């Protein structure tokens, strides 16, 4: 709607033109003029303080999330390093055990070589000297050297004859009549028993006296 000039007439005075810049729509409602700037709503101090608190809380939350992402990344890196170190340590331990096992086998075979030498000497002696006594001495010497080789690698023979029967160490093959003071004692050994590292390799097969 165009601006209207409204003439105000007063008694005894000439009309005064007044320019009214207000605009109205077809229903008679006033329409804001384009030149009129809209007024911003007035905010209370409580609203301003609440908005500042909300902004600060958002900033704190974003900082906490960023820190959490960094901590998670460091945790994953430390976890990967620990798994790698554990795998490397396990591999080194397995290699060490294998080396020790091979070294133990090497040492045992080294102790058996003199036994083989004594056997070869006994065989060679029997070819030139048919004496049974000499052959017997050679066999006894070979057996003694083999027992020493077993002792050198930690094998312990189990005492039998004259000791009390122990079902944990001895296997009773048969029984023989004996005096009361030898009741329950071992009177004969059929095969020697051995222990290794506190474990029973095999029990001694023995004869037990019974009064």
Protein backbone atom coordinates (compact mmCIF):
# COMPACT_ATOMS: atom_id res chain seq x y z
CA UNK A 1 0.00 0.00 0.00
CA UNK A 2 1.34 3.39 -0.92
CA UNK A 3 2.01 6.00 1.60
CA UNK A 4 -0.99 8.18 2.23
CA UNK A 5 -1.02 11.77 2.97
CA UNK A 6 -3.52 12.59 5.58
CA UNK A 7 -4.68 16.11 5.90
CA UNK A 8 -5.61 17.24 9.34
CA UNK A 9 -8.10 20.02 9.41
CA UNK A 10 -8.57 22.17 12.40
CA UNK A 11 -11.01 24.88 13.03
CA UNK A 12 -9.76 28.25 12.07
CA UNK A 13 -6.59 26.88 10.63
CA UNK A 14 -5.51 25.67 7.32
CA UNK A 15 -5.00 21.99 6.70
CA UNK A 16 -1.55 20.55 7.58
CA UNK A 17 -0.37 17.66 5.42
CA UNK A 18 1.06 14.74 7.47
CA UNK A 19 2.98 11.98 5.81
CA UNK A 20 2.19 8.59 7.41
CA UNK A 21 4.76 5.94 6.49
CA UNK A 22 2.99 3.08 8.20
CA UNK A 23 1.86 0.21 5.98
CA UNK A 24 -1.19 -1.97 6.37
CA UNK A 25 -2.36 -5.12 4.60
CA UNK A 26 -5.80 -5.82 3.22
CA UNK A 27 -7.10 -6.87 6.63
CA UNK A 28 -6.01 -3.68 8.19
CA UNK A 29 -3.02 -5.22 9.95
CA UNK A 30 0.17 -3.26 10.04
CA UNK A 31 3.06 -4.54 7.97
CA UNK A 32 6.64 -3.84 9.05
CA UNK A 33 8.47 -1.50 6.79
CA UNK A 34 11.61 -2.69 5.03
CA UNK A 35 13.53 0.16 6.56
CA UNK A 36 12.55 -0.88 10.02
CA UNK A 37 15.24 -3.27 11.44
CA UNK A 38 13.86 -6.22 13.48
CA UNK A 39 14.49 -5.90 17.14
CA UNK A 40 16.59 -8.68 18.76
CA UNK A 41 15.02 -10.27 21.81
CA UNK A 42 16.54 -9.16 25.05
CA UNK A 43 18.24 -12.07 26.92
CA UNK A 44 18.45 -12.25 30.64
CA UNK A 45 21.79 -12.65 32.49
CA UNK A 46 20.73 -16.18 33.49
CA UNK A 47 20.33 -17.18 29.84
CA UNK A 48 23.73 -15.71 28.95
CA UNK A 49 25.39 -17.56 31.85
CA UNK A 50 23.65 -20.81 30.92
CA UNK A 51 24.80 -20.48 27.31
CA UNK A 52 28.39 -19.88 28.45
CA UNK A 53 28.25 -22.94 30.72
CA UNK A 54 26.89 -25.06 27.87
CA UNK A 55 29.66 -23.90 25.54
CA UNK A 56 32.31 -24.66 28.17
CA UNK A 57 30.83 -28.12 28.78
CA UNK A 58 30.88 -28.90 25.05
CA UNK A 59 34.53 -27.84 24.86
CA UNK A 60 35.41 -30.02 27.88
CA UNK A 61 33.61 -33.00 26.36
CA UNK A 62 35.40 -32.58 23.02
CA UNK A 63 38.75 -32.33 24.83
CA UNK A 64 37.97 -35.48 26.86
CA UNK A 65 37.00 -37.40 23.71
CA UNK A 66 40.20 -36.30 21.98
CA UNK A 67 42.25 -37.39 25.01
CA UNK A 68 40.44 -40.74 25.12
CA UNK A 69 41.28 -41.36 21.46
CA UNK A 70 44.94 -40.65 22.20
CA UNK A 71 44.97 -42.96 25.23
CA UNK A 72 43.32 -45.74 23.21
CA UNK A 73 45.93 -45.37 20.47
CA UNK A 74 48.76 -45.58 23.03
CA UNK A 75 47.14 -48.63 24.63
CA UNK A 76 46.90 -50.44 21.30
CA UNK A 77 50.54 -49.60 20.56
CA UNK A 78 51.69 -50.86 23.99
CA UNK A 79 49.61 -54.02 23.57
CA UNK A 80 51.17 -54.72 20.18
CA UNK A 81 54.68 -54.16 21.59
CA UNK A 82 53.97 -56.51 24.52
CA UNK A 83 52.65 -59.24 22.22
CA UNK A 84 55.69 -58.90 19.97
CA UNK A 85 58.10 -59.05 22.94
CA UNK A 86 56.26 -62.07 24.36
CA UNK A 87 56.49 -63.91 21.05
CA UNK A 88 60.19 -63.10 20.75
CA UNK A 89 60.83 -64.24 24.34
CA UNK A 90 58.92 -67.49 23.72
CA UNK A 91 60.99 -68.13 20.59
CA UNK A 92 64.25 -67.47 22.47
CA UNK A 93 63.17 -69.77 25.31
CA UNK A 94 62.28 -72.58 22.91
CA UNK A 95 65.63 -72.22 21.15
CA UNK A 96 67.45 -72.27 24.50
CA UNK A 97 65.64 -75.44 25.55
CA UNK A 98 66.41 -77.09 22.23
CA UNK A 99 70.08 -76.13 22.53
CA UNK A 100 70.23 -77.53 26.06
CA UNK A 101 68.58 -80.76 24.96
CA UNK A 102 71.03 -81.17 22.10
CA UNK A 103 73.95 -80.38 24.41
CA UNK A 104 72.74 -82.98 26.92
CA UNK A 105 72.52 -85.58 24.16
CA UNK A 106 75.97 -84.61 22.96
CA UNK A 107 77.43 -84.97 26.46
CA UNK A 108 75.75 -88.36 26.98
CA UNK A 109 77.04 -89.72 23.69
CA UNK A 110 80.50 -88.43 24.55
CA UNK A 111 80.45 -90.43 27.83
CA UNK A 112 79.35 -93.58 25.96
CA UNK A 113 82.25 -93.52 23.52
CA UNK A 114 84.76 -94.95 26.05
CA UNK A 115 82.33 -97.82 26.70
CA UNK A 116 82.33 -98.61 23.01
CA UNK A 117 86.11 -98.44 23.00
CA UNK A 118 86.29 -100.99 25.85
CA UNK A 119 83.91 -103.31 24.03
CA UNK A 120 86.03 -103.14 20.88
CA UNK A 121 89.14 -103.85 22.91
CA UNK A 122 87.48 -106.86 24.56
CA UNK A 123 86.42 -108.22 21.16
CA UNK A 124 89.89 -107.69 19.71
CA UNK A 125 91.51 -109.37 22.73
CA UNK A 126 89.19 -112.39 22.47
CA UNK A 127 90.31 -112.95 18.86
CA UNK A 128 93.99 -113.26 19.86
CA UNK A 129 93.54 -114.69 23.39
CA UNK A 130 90.86 -117.36 23.71
CA UNK A 131 91.10 -117.34 27.51
CA UNK A 132 87.69 -117.12 29.10
CA UNK A 133 89.19 -115.36 32.11
CA UNK A 134 90.51 -112.51 29.99
CA UNK A 135 87.22 -112.21 28.12
CA UNK A 136 85.35 -112.14 31.42
CA UNK A 137 87.62 -109.41 32.76
CA UNK A 138 87.06 -107.37 29.60
CA UNK A 139 83.29 -107.68 29.87
CA UNK A 140 83.39 -106.71 33.55
CA UNK A 141 85.52 -103.69 32.77
CA UNK A 142 83.13 -102.64 30.02
CA UNK A 143 80.13 -102.95 32.34
CA UNK A 144 81.87 -100.86 34.99
CA UNK A 145 82.77 -98.15 32.49
CA UNK A 146 79.16 -98.05 31.28
CA UNK A 147 77.90 -97.64 34.85
CA UNK A 148 80.36 -94.78 35.36
CA UNK A 149 79.08 -93.15 32.18
CA UNK A 150 75.52 -93.38 33.48
CA UNK A 151 76.55 -91.87 36.82
CA UNK A 152 78.33 -89.02 35.01
CA UNK A 153 75.08 -87.98 33.34
CA UNK A 154 73.12 -88.12 36.61
CA UNK A 155 71.78 -91.70 36.63
CA UNK A 156 71.78 -93.23 40.14
CA UNK A 157 71.71 -97.00 40.80
CA UNK A 158 69.21 -98.18 43.42
CA UNK A 159 70.63 -100.08 46.37
CA UNK A 160 69.14 -103.56 46.63
CA UNK A 161 70.83 -106.53 48.32
CA UNK A 162 70.82 -106.16 52.10
CA UNK A 163 68.41 -103.21 52.14
CA UNK A 164 64.76 -103.24 53.17
CA UNK A 165 62.24 -103.94 50.42
CA UNK A 166 60.62 -100.73 49.18
CA UNK A 167 57.71 -101.20 46.75
CA UNK A 168 58.41 -97.70 45.38
CA UNK A 169 61.91 -98.75 44.28
CA UNK A 170 61.89 -102.55 44.08
CA UNK A 171 59.88 -105.16 42.23
CA UNK A 172 59.64 -108.50 44.05
CA UNK A 173 60.17 -111.37 41.65
CA UNK A 174 60.15 -114.15 44.22
CA UNK A 175 60.71 -114.83 47.94
CA UNK A 176 63.26 -116.94 49.79
CA UNK A 177 63.27 -118.35 53.29
CA UNK A 178 65.63 -116.50 55.58
CA UNK A 179 66.41 -115.76 59.23
CA UNK A 180 64.10 -113.58 61.32
CA UNK A 181 66.54 -110.65 61.31
CA UNK A 182 66.52 -110.64 57.47
CA UNK A 183 62.76 -110.84 57.16
CA UNK A 184 61.60 -108.29 54.56
CA UNK A 185 65.13 -107.61 53.34
CA UNK A 186 66.36 -108.10 49.78
CA UNK A 187 68.42 -111.27 49.45
CA UNK A 188 69.21 -111.18 45.71
CA UNK A 189 69.10 -108.79 42.74
CA UNK A 190 68.10 -109.96 39.27
CA UNK A 191 68.35 -106.60 37.50
CA UNK A 192 69.51 -103.28 38.87
CA UNK A 193 67.15 -100.34 39.16
CA UNK A 194 68.01 -96.73 38.38
CA UNK A 195 66.82 -93.20 39.14
CA UNK A 196 67.40 -90.03 37.17
CA UNK A 197 66.74 -86.54 38.46
CA UNK A 198 64.70 -87.88 41.37
CA UNK A 199 62.49 -89.94 39.05
CA UNK A 200 62.45 -93.71 38.82
CA UNK A 201 63.80 -94.94 35.51
CA UNK A 202 62.98 -98.53 36.38
CA UNK A 203 62.60 -100.51 39.63
CA UNK A 204 65.13 -103.12 40.69
CA UNK A 205 63.91 -106.69 40.19
CA UNK A 206 64.78 -108.50 43.42
CA UNK A 207 64.26 -111.48 45.69
CA UNK A 208 62.80 -110.81 49.13
CA UNK A 209 63.59 -112.82 52.26
CA UNK A 210 60.77 -114.17 54.39
CA UNK A 211 61.31 -115.65 57.85
